[in-house]
């Protein structure tokens, strides 16, 4: 009986060590499964981009082969030159239209978003919460349901086939207003009351205090808006389908990438044009993704 009592501390230590080893093994197994899953998901995302790049560098003979290889030993960089000089795909003009529309619409959206977010977050007026709830309810309406009414308005006002039709209908975004309002609501009320005591007006307070504090979210909104303008397709194709008014996605869809010898679609040059259109947006996301994550995370703390 005495010997059993003497061994008890050793047994407890042994069981504790086994428990620690078990927890470590479970932790390692959890991370192995997690990163294995993430690797498979990453591969699934990367494969389409890799295949797009690979096809853009292949010859027509390689594309027509019955068995497709996963690499090419003779990359055809000339496909990009051919793609960017294809009739109907005026890359310079398309790029100008897209950047012009994107910059102007983004600047206008920032103005309306900042002013509306400030009003809903800081100013006290009757019906504020009801109006904001009504704004939020409009987010439940699919955008496709408003295309016909917006198109009729554009035509009636004489904006058809103009830059105005591409810019004005999207100067207000309820989602961006909500995003920035959540950031503004995190700013303590004491700062606002102290500024009021010092004689600072609302507009000056917005410029001097709220905008600098909410700058990460504003940068996020700017990036997302520019990306949305770059990717827009349906609306520009509807209201500005003339060749000189097309944006870059519409120009890519409307260009005719055909082989001069066979008359068939030249998929390698078509993919080269697609890479040229996709690459700027991809680089923007890669280098600015931390600002997007930071802005979104700051907006979700306080309701």
C-alpha atoms as a PDB file:
ATOM      1  CA  UNK A   1       0.000   0.000   0.000  1.00  0.00           C
ATOM      2  CA  UNK A   2       2.855   2.375   0.832  1.00  0.00           C
ATOM      3  CA  UNK A   3       4.630   1.508  -2.461  1.00  0.00           C
ATOM      4  CA  UNK A   4       1.479   2.383  -4.416  1.00  0.00           C
ATOM      5  CA  UNK A   5       1.315   5.795  -2.734  1.00  0.00           C
ATOM      6  CA  UNK A   6       4.983   6.440  -3.524  1.00  0.00           C
ATOM      7  CA  UNK A   7       4.407   5.723  -7.264  1.00  0.00           C
ATOM      8  CA  UNK A   8       1.369   7.969  -7.565  1.00  0.00           C
ATOM      9  CA  UNK A   9       3.247  11.226  -8.352  1.00  0.00           C
ATOM     10  CA  UNK A  10       5.247   9.464 -11.080  1.00  0.00           C
ATOM     11  CA  UNK A  11       2.069   8.050 -12.592  1.00  0.00           C
ATOM     12  CA  UNK A  12       0.461  11.477 -12.560  1.00  0.00           C
ATOM     13  CA  UNK A  13       3.516  12.994 -14.261  1.00  0.00           C
ATOM     14  CA  UNK A  14       3.497  10.243 -16.859  1.00  0.00           C
ATOM     15  CA  UNK A  15      -0.199  10.773 -17.576  1.00  0.00           C
ATOM     16  CA  UNK A  16       0.388  14.529 -17.822  1.00  0.00           C
ATOM     17  CA  UNK A  17       3.199  14.002 -20.341  1.00  0.00           C
ATOM     18  CA  UNK A  18       0.982  11.678 -22.386  1.00  0.00           C
ATOM     19  CA  UNK A  19      -1.779  14.260 -22.345  1.00  0.00           C
ATOM     20  CA  UNK A  20       0.626  16.985 -23.496  1.00  0.00           C
ATOM     21  CA  UNK A  21       1.946  14.767 -26.309  1.00  0.00           C
ATOM     22  CA  UNK A  22      -1.600  13.942 -27.345  1.00  0.00           C
ATOM     23  CA  UNK A  23      -2.543  17.629 -27.463  1.00  0.00           C
ATOM     24  CA  UNK A  24       0.567  18.410 -29.508  1.00  0.00           C
ATOM     25  CA  UNK A  25      -0.221  15.626 -31.979  1.00  0.00           C
ATOM     26  CA  UNK A  26      -3.810  16.832 -32.329  1.00  0.00           C
ATOM     27  CA  UNK A  27      -2.575  20.370 -32.868  1.00  0.00           C
ATOM     28  CA  UNK A  28      -0.091  19.250 -35.530  1.00  0.00           C
ATOM     29  CA  UNK A  29      -2.764  17.113 -37.203  1.00  0.00           C
ATOM     30  CA  UNK A  30      -5.170  20.059 -37.206  1.00  0.00           C
ATOM     31  CA  UNK A  31      -2.621  22.312 -38.899  1.00  0.00           C
ATOM     32  CA  UNK A  32      -1.680  19.619 -41.415  1.00  0.00           C
ATOM     33  CA  UNK A  33      -5.325  19.139 -42.413  1.00  0.00           C
ATOM     34  CA  UNK A  34      -5.935  22.880 -42.493  1.00  0.00           C
ATOM     35  CA  UNK A  35      -2.944  23.719 -44.681  1.00  0.00           C
ATOM     36  CA  UNK A  36      -3.594  20.720 -46.920  1.00  0.00           C
ATOM     37  CA  UNK A  37      -7.112  22.003 -47.514  1.00  0.00           C
ATOM     38  CA  UNK A  38      -5.827  25.532 -48.151  1.00  0.00           C
ATOM     39  CA  UNK A  39      -3.212  24.231 -50.598  1.00  0.00           C
ATOM     40  CA  UNK A  40      -5.863  22.355 -52.589  1.00  0.00           C
ATOM     41  CA  UNK A  41      -8.069  25.449 -52.653  1.00  0.00           C
ATOM     42  CA  UNK A  42      -5.135  27.623 -53.741  1.00  0.00           C
ATOM     43  CA  UNK A  43      -4.294  25.198 -56.536  1.00  0.00           C
ATOM     44  CA  UNK A  44      -7.920  25.261 -57.672  1.00  0.00           C
ATOM     45  CA  UNK A  45      -7.756  29.069 -57.857  1.00  0.00           C
ATOM     46  CA  UNK A  46      -4.341  29.218 -59.558  1.00  0.00           C
ATOM     47  CA  UNK A  47      -4.993  26.589 -62.260  1.00  0.00           C
ATOM     48  CA  UNK A  48      -7.353  28.770 -64.389  1.00  0.00           C
ATOM     49  CA  UNK A  49      -4.867  31.656 -64.340  1.00  0.00           C
ATOM     50  CA  UNK A  50      -1.977  29.341 -65.181  1.00  0.00           C
ATOM     51  CA  UNK A  51      -3.920  27.755 -68.034  1.00  0.00           C
ATOM     52  CA  UNK A  52      -4.875  31.173 -69.391  1.00  0.00           C
ATOM     53  CA  UNK A  53      -1.219  32.239 -69.363  1.00  0.00           C
ATOM     54  CA  UNK A  54      -0.100  28.931 -70.874  1.00  0.00           C
ATOM     55  CA  UNK A  55      -2.590  29.083 -73.755  1.00  0.00           C
ATOM     56  CA  UNK A  56      -1.549  32.676 -74.491  1.00  0.00           C
ATOM     57  CA  UNK A  57       2.036  31.461 -75.033  1.00  0.00           C
ATOM     58  CA  UNK A  58       1.289  28.387 -77.146  1.00  0.00           C
ATOM     59  CA  UNK A  59       1.366  28.071 -80.910  1.00  0.00           C
ATOM     60  CA  UNK A  60      -1.739  27.223 -82.901  1.00  0.00           C
ATOM     61  CA  UNK A  61      -0.274  23.785 -83.621  1.00  0.00           C
ATOM     62  CA  UNK A  62       0.142  23.088 -79.907  1.00  0.00           C
ATOM     63  CA  UNK A  63      -3.438  24.149 -79.218  1.00  0.00           C
ATOM     64  CA  UNK A  64      -4.751  21.798 -81.900  1.00  0.00           C
ATOM     65  CA  UNK A  65      -2.799  18.816 -80.549  1.00  0.00           C
ATOM     66  CA  UNK A  66      -5.018  15.973 -79.236  1.00  0.00           C
ATOM     67  CA  UNK A  67      -3.105  15.865 -75.940  1.00  0.00           C
ATOM     68  CA  UNK A  68      -2.468  19.192 -74.252  1.00  0.00           C
ATOM     69  CA  UNK A  69       0.823  19.697 -72.403  1.00  0.00           C
ATOM     70  CA  UNK A  70       1.096  21.524 -69.104  1.00  0.00           C
ATOM     71  CA  UNK A  71       3.976  23.677 -70.349  1.00  0.00           C
ATOM     72  CA  UNK A  72       5.469  25.001 -73.561  1.00  0.00           C
ATOM     73  CA  UNK A  73       9.130  24.892 -74.521  1.00  0.00           C
ATOM     74  CA  UNK A  74       8.775  27.650 -77.115  1.00  0.00           C
ATOM     75  CA  UNK A  75       6.703  30.499 -75.624  1.00  0.00           C
ATOM     76  CA  UNK A  76       5.184  32.755 -78.265  1.00  0.00           C
ATOM     77  CA  UNK A  77       5.461  36.232 -76.756  1.00  0.00           C
ATOM     78  CA  UNK A  78       4.527  37.650 -80.142  1.00  0.00           C
ATOM     79  CA  UNK A  79       0.945  36.574 -79.396  1.00  0.00           C
ATOM     80  CA  UNK A  80       0.672  39.589 -77.104  1.00  0.00           C
ATOM     81  CA  UNK A  81       1.796  41.967 -79.839  1.00  0.00           C
ATOM     82  CA  UNK A  82      -0.698  40.441 -82.240  1.00  0.00           C
ATOM     83  CA  UNK A  83      -3.481  40.612 -79.633  1.00  0.00           C
ATOM     84  CA  UNK A  84      -2.900  44.274 -78.779  1.00  0.00           C
ATOM     85  CA  UNK A  85      -2.926  45.232 -82.461  1.00  0.00           C
ATOM     86  CA  UNK A  86      -5.996  43.198 -83.398  1.00  0.00           C
ATOM     87  CA  UNK A  87      -8.626  45.248 -85.297  1.00  0.00           C
ATOM     88  CA  UNK A  88     -11.481  46.092 -82.951  1.00  0.00           C
ATOM     89  CA  UNK A  89      -9.264  45.766 -79.874  1.00  0.00           C
ATOM     90  CA  UNK A  90      -7.753  49.237 -79.545  1.00  0.00           C
ATOM     91  CA  UNK A  91      -6.071  48.641 -76.202  1.00  0.00           C
ATOM     92  CA  UNK A  92      -4.935  52.244 -75.737  1.00  0.00           C
ATOM     93  CA  UNK A  93      -8.412  53.682 -76.302  1.00  0.00           C
ATOM     94  CA  UNK A  94     -10.053  50.995 -74.187  1.00  0.00           C
ATOM     95  CA  UNK A  95      -7.586  51.658 -71.377  1.00  0.00           C
ATOM     96  CA  UNK A  96      -8.205  55.410 -71.533  1.00  0.00           C
ATOM     97  CA  UNK A  97     -11.988  54.974 -71.406  1.00  0.00           C
ATOM     98  CA  UNK A  98     -11.775  52.563 -68.479  1.00  0.00           C
ATOM     99  CA  UNK A  99      -9.358  54.693 -66.450  1.00  0.00           C
ATOM    100  CA  UNK A 100     -11.301  57.895 -67.158  1.00  0.00           C
ATOM    101  CA  UNK A 101     -14.649  56.413 -66.168  1.00  0.00           C
ATOM    102  CA  UNK A 102     -13.106  54.612 -63.181  1.00  0.00           C
ATOM    103  CA  UNK A 103     -11.334  57.684 -61.764  1.00  0.00           C
ATOM    104  CA  UNK A 104     -14.277  60.086 -62.211  1.00  0.00           C
ATOM    105  CA  UNK A 105     -16.860  57.645 -60.857  1.00  0.00           C
ATOM    106  CA  UNK A 106     -14.597  56.727 -57.922  1.00  0.00           C
ATOM    107  CA  UNK A 107     -14.045  60.382 -57.010  1.00  0.00           C
ATOM    108  CA  UNK A 108     -17.778  61.056 -57.145  1.00  0.00           C
ATOM    109  CA  UNK A 109     -18.554  57.939 -55.120  1.00  0.00           C
ATOM    110  CA  UNK A 110     -16.063  58.975 -52.430  1.00  0.00           C
ATOM    111  CA  UNK A 111     -17.726  62.381 -52.092  1.00  0.00           C
ATOM    112  CA  UNK A 112     -21.246  60.963 -51.733  1.00  0.00           C
ATOM    113  CA  UNK A 113     -20.071  58.123 -49.485  1.00  0.00           C
ATOM    114  CA  UNK A 114     -18.114  60.319 -47.070  1.00  0.00           C
ATOM    115  CA  UNK A 115     -20.882  62.907 -46.730  1.00  0.00           C
ATOM    116  CA  UNK A 116     -23.642  60.310 -46.313  1.00  0.00           C
ATOM    117  CA  UNK A 117     -21.629  58.194 -43.874  1.00  0.00           C
ATOM    118  CA  UNK A 118     -20.856  61.289 -41.777  1.00  0.00           C
ATOM    119  CA  UNK A 119     -24.530  62.260 -41.688  1.00  0.00           C
ATOM    120  CA  UNK A 120     -25.706  58.800 -40.661  1.00  0.00           C
ATOM    121  CA  UNK A 121     -22.920  58.308 -38.103  1.00  0.00           C
ATOM    122  CA  UNK A 122     -22.647  61.694 -36.412  1.00  0.00           C
ATOM    123  CA  UNK A 123     -25.436  64.141 -37.219  1.00  0.00           C
ATOM    124  CA  UNK A 124     -28.667  63.982 -35.230  1.00  0.00           C
ATOM    125  CA  UNK A 125     -31.793  64.505 -37.301  1.00  0.00           C
ATOM    126  CA  UNK A 126     -35.316  63.175 -37.233  1.00  0.00           C
ATOM    127  CA  UNK A 127     -35.809  59.873 -39.024  1.00  0.00           C
ATOM    128  CA  UNK A 128     -32.080  59.138 -39.358  1.00  0.00           C
ATOM    129  CA  UNK A 129     -32.311  55.478 -38.404  1.00  0.00           C
ATOM    130  CA  UNK A 130     -35.453  54.936 -40.484  1.00  0.00           C
ATOM    131  CA  UNK A 131     -33.820  56.447 -43.573  1.00  0.00           C
ATOM    132  CA  UNK A 132     -30.678  54.386 -43.053  1.00  0.00           C
ATOM    133  CA  UNK A 133     -32.759  51.215 -42.624  1.00  0.00           C
ATOM    134  CA  UNK A 134     -34.512  52.049 -45.888  1.00  0.00           C
ATOM    135  CA  UNK A 135     -31.121  52.476 -47.559  1.00  0.00           C
ATOM    136  CA  UNK A 136     -29.991  49.112 -46.228  1.00  0.00           C
ATOM    137  CA  UNK A 137     -33.177  47.470 -47.487  1.00  0.00           C
ATOM    138  CA  UNK A 138     -32.313  48.531 -51.047  1.00  0.00           C
ATOM    139  CA  UNK A 139     -29.260  46.267 -50.862  1.00  0.00           C
ATOM    140  CA  UNK A 140     -31.642  43.319 -50.962  1.00  0.00           C
ATOM    141  CA  UNK A 141     -32.844  44.346 -54.436  1.00  0.00           C
ATOM    142  CA  UNK A 142     -30.801  42.710 -57.229  1.00  0.00           C
ATOM    143  CA  UNK A 143     -29.138  45.256 -59.480  1.00  0.00           C
ATOM    144  CA  UNK A 144     -30.539  43.552 -62.578  1.00  0.00           C
ATOM    145  CA  UNK A 145     -34.045  44.633 -61.553  1.00  0.00           C
ATOM    146  CA  UNK A 146     -33.102  48.300 -61.964  1.00  0.00           C
ATOM    147  CA  UNK A 147     -31.362  48.005 -65.320  1.00  0.00           C
ATOM    148  CA  UNK A 148     -34.495  48.688 -67.410  1.00  0.00           C
ATOM    149  CA  UNK A 149     -35.594  51.719 -65.380  1.00  0.00           C
ATOM    150  CA  UNK A 150     -32.053  53.131 -65.346  1.00  0.00           C
ATOM    151  CA  UNK A 151     -31.701  52.569 -69.077  1.00  0.00           C
ATOM    152  CA  UNK A 152     -34.981  54.366 -69.781  1.00  0.00           C
ATOM    153  CA  UNK A 153     -33.882  57.280 -67.607  1.00  0.00           C
ATOM    154  CA  UNK A 154     -30.547  57.502 -69.424  1.00  0.00           C
ATOM    155  CA  UNK A 155     -32.269  57.519 -72.827  1.00  0.00           C
ATOM    156  CA  UNK A 156     -34.929  60.067 -71.779  1.00  0.00           C
ATOM    157  CA  UNK A 157     -32.289  62.443 -70.418  1.00  0.00           C
ATOM    158  CA  UNK A 158     -30.156  62.204 -73.553  1.00  0.00           C
ATOM    159  CA  UNK A 159     -27.228  60.444 -71.909  1.00  0.00           C
ATOM    160  CA  UNK A 160     -27.191  57.440 -74.233  1.00  0.00           C
ATOM    161  CA  UNK A 161     -23.747  56.759 -75.749  1.00  0.00           C
ATOM    162  CA  UNK A 162     -22.028  59.256 -73.406  1.00  0.00           C
ATOM    163  CA  UNK A 163     -19.587  59.064 -70.516  1.00  0.00           C
ATOM    164  CA  UNK A 164     -22.302  60.500 -68.280  1.00  0.00           C
ATOM    165  CA  UNK A 165     -24.328  57.303 -68.633  1.00  0.00           C
ATOM    166  CA  UNK A 166     -21.303  55.302 -67.534  1.00  0.00           C
ATOM    167  CA  UNK A 167     -20.558  57.471 -64.491  1.00  0.00           C
ATOM    168  CA  UNK A 168     -23.619  59.103 -62.932  1.00  0.00           C
ATOM    169  CA  UNK A 169     -25.842  56.042 -62.213  1.00  0.00           C
ATOM    170  CA  UNK A 170     -23.162  54.565 -59.939  1.00  0.00           C
ATOM    171  CA  UNK A 171     -22.074  57.600 -57.938  1.00  0.00           C
ATOM    172  CA  UNK A 172     -23.930  56.329 -54.847  1.00  0.00           C
ATOM    173  CA  UNK A 173     -23.258  52.977 -53.211  1.00  0.00           C
ATOM    174  CA  UNK A 174     -25.252  51.933 -50.163  1.00  0.00           C
ATOM    175  CA  UNK A 175     -22.700  49.256 -49.308  1.00  0.00           C
ATOM    176  CA  UNK A 176     -19.815  51.752 -49.235  1.00  0.00           C
ATOM    177  CA  UNK A 177     -21.891  54.145 -47.129  1.00  0.00           C
ATOM    178  CA  UNK A 178     -22.581  51.359 -44.654  1.00  0.00           C
ATOM    179  CA  UNK A 179     -18.902  50.358 -44.609  1.00  0.00           C
ATOM    180  CA  UNK A 180     -17.666  53.872 -43.861  1.00  0.00           C
ATOM    181  CA  UNK A 181     -20.485  54.620 -41.416  1.00  0.00           C
ATOM    182  CA  UNK A 182     -19.380  51.683 -39.277  1.00  0.00           C
ATOM    183  CA  UNK A 183     -15.861  53.121 -39.171  1.00  0.00           C
ATOM    184  CA  UNK A 184     -17.083  56.622 -38.311  1.00  0.00           C
ATOM    185  CA  UNK A 185     -19.239  55.255 -35.481  1.00  0.00           C
ATOM    186  CA  UNK A 186     -16.092  53.929 -33.780  1.00  0.00           C
ATOM    187  CA  UNK A 187     -14.797  57.480 -33.286  1.00  0.00           C
ATOM    188  CA  UNK A 188     -15.616  58.558 -29.701  1.00  0.00           C
ATOM    189  CA  UNK A 189     -18.373  61.127 -29.269  1.00  0.00           C
ATOM    190  CA  UNK A 190     -16.103  63.059 -26.907  1.00  0.00           C
ATOM    191  CA  UNK A 191     -13.953  64.168 -29.855  1.00  0.00           C
ATOM    192  CA  UNK A 192     -17.002  65.609 -31.577  1.00  0.00           C
ATOM    193  CA  UNK A 193     -18.239  67.432 -28.472  1.00  0.00           C
ATOM    194  CA  UNK A 194     -14.742  68.805 -27.763  1.00  0.00           C
ATOM    195  CA  UNK A 195     -14.507  70.083 -31.323  1.00  0.00           C
ATOM    196  CA  UNK A 196     -17.901  71.726 -30.950  1.00  0.00           C
ATOM    197  CA  UNK A 197     -16.747  73.471 -27.765  1.00  0.00           C
ATOM    198  CA  UNK A 198     -13.722  74.804 -29.655  1.00  0.00           C
ATOM    199  CA  UNK A 199     -16.035  76.235 -32.300  1.00  0.00           C
ATOM    200  CA  UNK A 200     -15.234  73.680 -35.022  1.00  0.00           C
ATOM    201  CA  UNK A 201     -17.950  73.244 -37.603  1.00  0.00           C
ATOM    202  CA  UNK A 202     -19.203  69.886 -38.824  1.00  0.00           C
ATOM    203  CA  UNK A 203     -17.460  70.095 -42.196  1.00  0.00           C
ATOM    204  CA  UNK A 204     -14.139  71.079 -40.637  1.00  0.00           C
ATOM    205  CA  UNK A 205     -14.481  68.270 -38.091  1.00  0.00           C
ATOM    206  CA  UNK A 206     -15.119  65.824 -40.922  1.00  0.00           C
ATOM    207  CA  UNK A 207     -12.004  66.953 -42.818  1.00  0.00           C
ATOM    208  CA  UNK A 208      -9.656  67.281 -39.844  1.00  0.00           C
ATOM    209  CA  UNK A 209     -10.640  64.296 -37.695  1.00  0.00           C
ATOM    210  CA  UNK A 210     -13.029  61.786 -39.210  1.00  0.00           C
ATOM    211  CA  UNK A 211     -11.467  61.402 -42.652  1.00  0.00           C
ATOM    212  CA  UNK A 212      -7.893  60.855 -41.329  1.00  0.00           C
ATOM    213  CA  UNK A 213      -9.149  58.281 -38.817  1.00  0.00           C
ATOM    214  CA  UNK A 214     -11.291  56.531 -41.430  1.00  0.00           C
ATOM    215  CA  UNK A 215      -8.586  56.661 -44.108  1.00  0.00           C
ATOM    216  CA  UNK A 216      -7.987  52.855 -44.210  1.00  0.00           C
ATOM    217  CA  UNK A 217     -11.665  52.260 -44.997  1.00  0.00           C
ATOM    218  CA  UNK A 218     -11.677  55.084 -47.551  1.00  0.00           C
ATOM    219  CA  UNK A 219      -8.659  53.523 -49.275  1.00  0.00           C
ATOM    220  CA  UNK A 220     -10.476  50.184 -49.303  1.00  0.00           C
ATOM    221  CA  UNK A 221     -13.545  51.780 -50.882  1.00  0.00           C
ATOM    222  CA  UNK A 222     -11.345  53.451 -53.501  1.00  0.00           C
ATOM    223  CA  UNK A 223      -9.684  50.174 -54.463  1.00  0.00           C
ATOM    224  CA  UNK A 224     -12.956  48.234 -54.594  1.00  0.00           C
ATOM    225  CA  UNK A 225     -14.637  50.925 -56.675  1.00  0.00           C
ATOM    226  CA  UNK A 226     -11.773  51.041 -59.179  1.00  0.00           C
ATOM    227  CA  UNK A 227     -11.826  47.257 -59.443  1.00  0.00           C
ATOM    228  CA  UNK A 228     -15.580  47.316 -59.976  1.00  0.00           C
ATOM    229  CA  UNK A 229     -15.235  49.908 -62.743  1.00  0.00           C
ATOM    230  CA  UNK A 230     -12.552  47.825 -64.418  1.00  0.00           C
ATOM    231  CA  UNK A 231     -14.718  44.685 -64.310  1.00  0.00           C
ATOM    232  CA  UNK A 232     -18.055  46.237 -65.281  1.00  0.00           C
ATOM    233  CA  UNK A 233     -19.553  44.706 -68.399  1.00  0.00           C
ATOM    234  CA  UNK A 234     -23.363  44.582 -68.593  1.00  0.00           C
ATOM    235  CA  UNK A 235     -24.184  48.268 -68.082  1.00  0.00           C
ATOM    236  CA  UNK A 236     -21.395  49.697 -70.330  1.00  0.00           C
ATOM    237  CA  UNK A 237     -22.355  47.212 -73.027  1.00  0.00           C
ATOM    238  CA  UNK A 238     -25.947  48.441 -72.791  1.00  0.00           C
ATOM    239  CA  UNK A 239     -25.515  52.236 -72.783  1.00  0.00           C
ATOM    240  CA  UNK A 240     -22.204  52.729 -74.631  1.00  0.00           C
ATOM    241  CA  UNK A 241     -21.719  50.031 -77.241  1.00  0.00           C
ATOM    242  CA  UNK A 242     -19.994  52.234 -79.819  1.00  0.00           C
ATOM    243  CA  UNK A 243     -16.384  51.207 -80.450  1.00  0.00           C
ATOM    244  CA  UNK A 244     -14.934  54.544 -79.272  1.00  0.00           C
ATOM    245  CA  UNK A 245     -16.975  54.387 -76.034  1.00  0.00           C
ATOM    246  CA  UNK A 246     -16.265  50.821 -74.990  1.00  0.00           C
ATOM    247  CA  UNK A 247     -14.556  49.919 -71.746  1.00  0.00           C
ATOM    248  CA  UNK A 248     -11.837  47.325 -71.622  1.00  0.00           C
ATOM    249  CA  UNK A 249     -14.050  44.323 -70.819  1.00  0.00           C
ATOM    250  CA  UNK A 250     -16.487  45.215 -73.596  1.00  0.00           C
ATOM    251  CA  UNK A 251     -13.622  45.720 -76.017  1.00  0.00           C
ATOM    252  CA  UNK A 252     -12.263  42.287 -75.166  1.00  0.00           C
ATOM    253  CA  UNK A 253     -15.647  40.702 -75.819  1.00  0.00           C
ATOM    254  CA  UNK A 254     -16.313  42.665 -78.995  1.00  0.00           C
ATOM    255  CA  UNK A 255     -12.926  42.114 -80.675  1.00  0.00           C
ATOM    256  CA  UNK A 256     -12.581  39.478 -83.364  1.00  0.00           C
ATOM    257  CA  UNK A 257      -9.543  37.298 -82.691  1.00  0.00           C
ATOM    258  CA  UNK A 258      -9.340  35.193 -85.841  1.00  0.00           C
ATOM    259  CA  UNK A 259      -6.451  33.511 -87.629  1.00  0.00           C
ATOM    260  CA  UNK A 260      -5.833  35.231 -90.960  1.00  0.00           C
ATOM    261  CA  UNK A 261      -4.879  31.942 -92.659  1.00  0.00           C
ATOM    262  CA  UNK A 262      -7.597  29.589 -91.396  1.00  0.00           C
ATOM    263  CA  UNK A 263     -10.346  32.066 -90.473  1.00  0.00           C
ATOM    264  CA  UNK A 264     -10.899  30.272 -87.192  1.00  0.00           C
ATOM    265  CA  UNK A 265     -10.774  31.775 -83.715  1.00  0.00           C
ATOM    266  CA  UNK A 266      -7.195  32.312 -82.568  1.00  0.00           C
ATOM    267  CA  UNK A 267      -7.462  31.232 -78.954  1.00  0.00           C
ATOM    268  CA  UNK A 268      -3.832  31.976 -78.132  1.00  0.00           C
ATOM    269  CA  UNK A 269      -4.093  35.648 -79.118  1.00  0.00           C
ATOM    270  CA  UNK A 270      -7.498  35.859 -77.444  1.00  0.00           C
ATOM    271  CA  UNK A 271      -5.979  34.545 -74.228  1.00  0.00           C
ATOM    272  CA  UNK A 272      -3.054  36.950 -74.616  1.00  0.00           C
ATOM    273  CA  UNK A 273      -5.522  39.848 -74.726  1.00  0.00           C
ATOM    274  CA  UNK A 274      -7.298  38.387 -71.684  1.00  0.00           C
ATOM    275  CA  UNK A 275      -4.021  38.254 -69.759  1.00  0.00           C
ATOM    276  CA  UNK A 276      -3.282  41.865 -70.700  1.00  0.00           C
ATOM    277  CA  UNK A 277      -6.698  42.898 -69.367  1.00  0.00           C
ATOM    278  CA  UNK A 278      -6.498  40.776 -66.202  1.00  0.00           C
ATOM    279  CA  UNK A 279      -2.897  41.500 -65.178  1.00  0.00           C
ATOM    280  CA  UNK A 280      -3.304  45.139 -63.995  1.00  0.00           C
ATOM    281  CA  UNK A 281      -6.260  44.233 -61.794  1.00  0.00           C
ATOM    282  CA  UNK A 282      -4.428  41.211 -60.413  1.00  0.00           C
ATOM    283  CA  UNK A 283      -1.367  43.300 -59.540  1.00  0.00           C
ATOM    284  CA  UNK A 284      -3.548  45.907 -57.827  1.00  0.00           C
ATOM    285  CA  UNK A 285      -5.119  43.241 -55.642  1.00  0.00           C
ATOM    286  CA  UNK A 286      -1.792  41.541 -54.822  1.00  0.00           C
ATOM    287  CA  UNK A 287      -0.029  44.728 -53.728  1.00  0.00           C
ATOM    288  CA  UNK A 288      -2.999  46.464 -52.082  1.00  0.00           C
ATOM    289  CA  UNK A 289      -4.800  43.531 -50.476  1.00  0.00           C
ATOM    290  CA  UNK A 290      -3.580  44.492 -46.990  1.00  0.00           C
ATOM    291  CA  UNK A 291      -5.392  47.833 -47.272  1.00  0.00           C
ATOM    292  CA  UNK A 292      -8.596  46.050 -48.312  1.00  0.00           C
ATOM    293  CA  UNK A 293      -8.396  43.665 -45.347  1.00  0.00           C
ATOM    294  CA  UNK A 294      -7.519  46.463 -42.923  1.00  0.00           C
ATOM    295  CA  UNK A 295     -10.397  48.667 -44.036  1.00  0.00           C
ATOM    296  CA  UNK A 296     -12.971  45.877 -43.891  1.00  0.00           C
ATOM    297  CA  UNK A 297     -11.790  44.705 -40.461  1.00  0.00           C
ATOM    298  CA  UNK A 298     -11.990  48.238 -39.030  1.00  0.00           C
ATOM    299  CA  UNK A 299     -15.554  48.589 -40.321  1.00  0.00           C
ATOM    300  CA  UNK A 300     -16.910  45.503 -38.599  1.00  0.00           C
ATOM    301  CA  UNK A 301     -16.116  46.243 -34.965  1.00  0.00           C
ATOM    302  CA  UNK A 302     -18.986  48.493 -33.911  1.00  0.00           C
ATOM    303  CA  UNK A 303     -22.565  48.459 -35.168  1.00  0.00           C
END
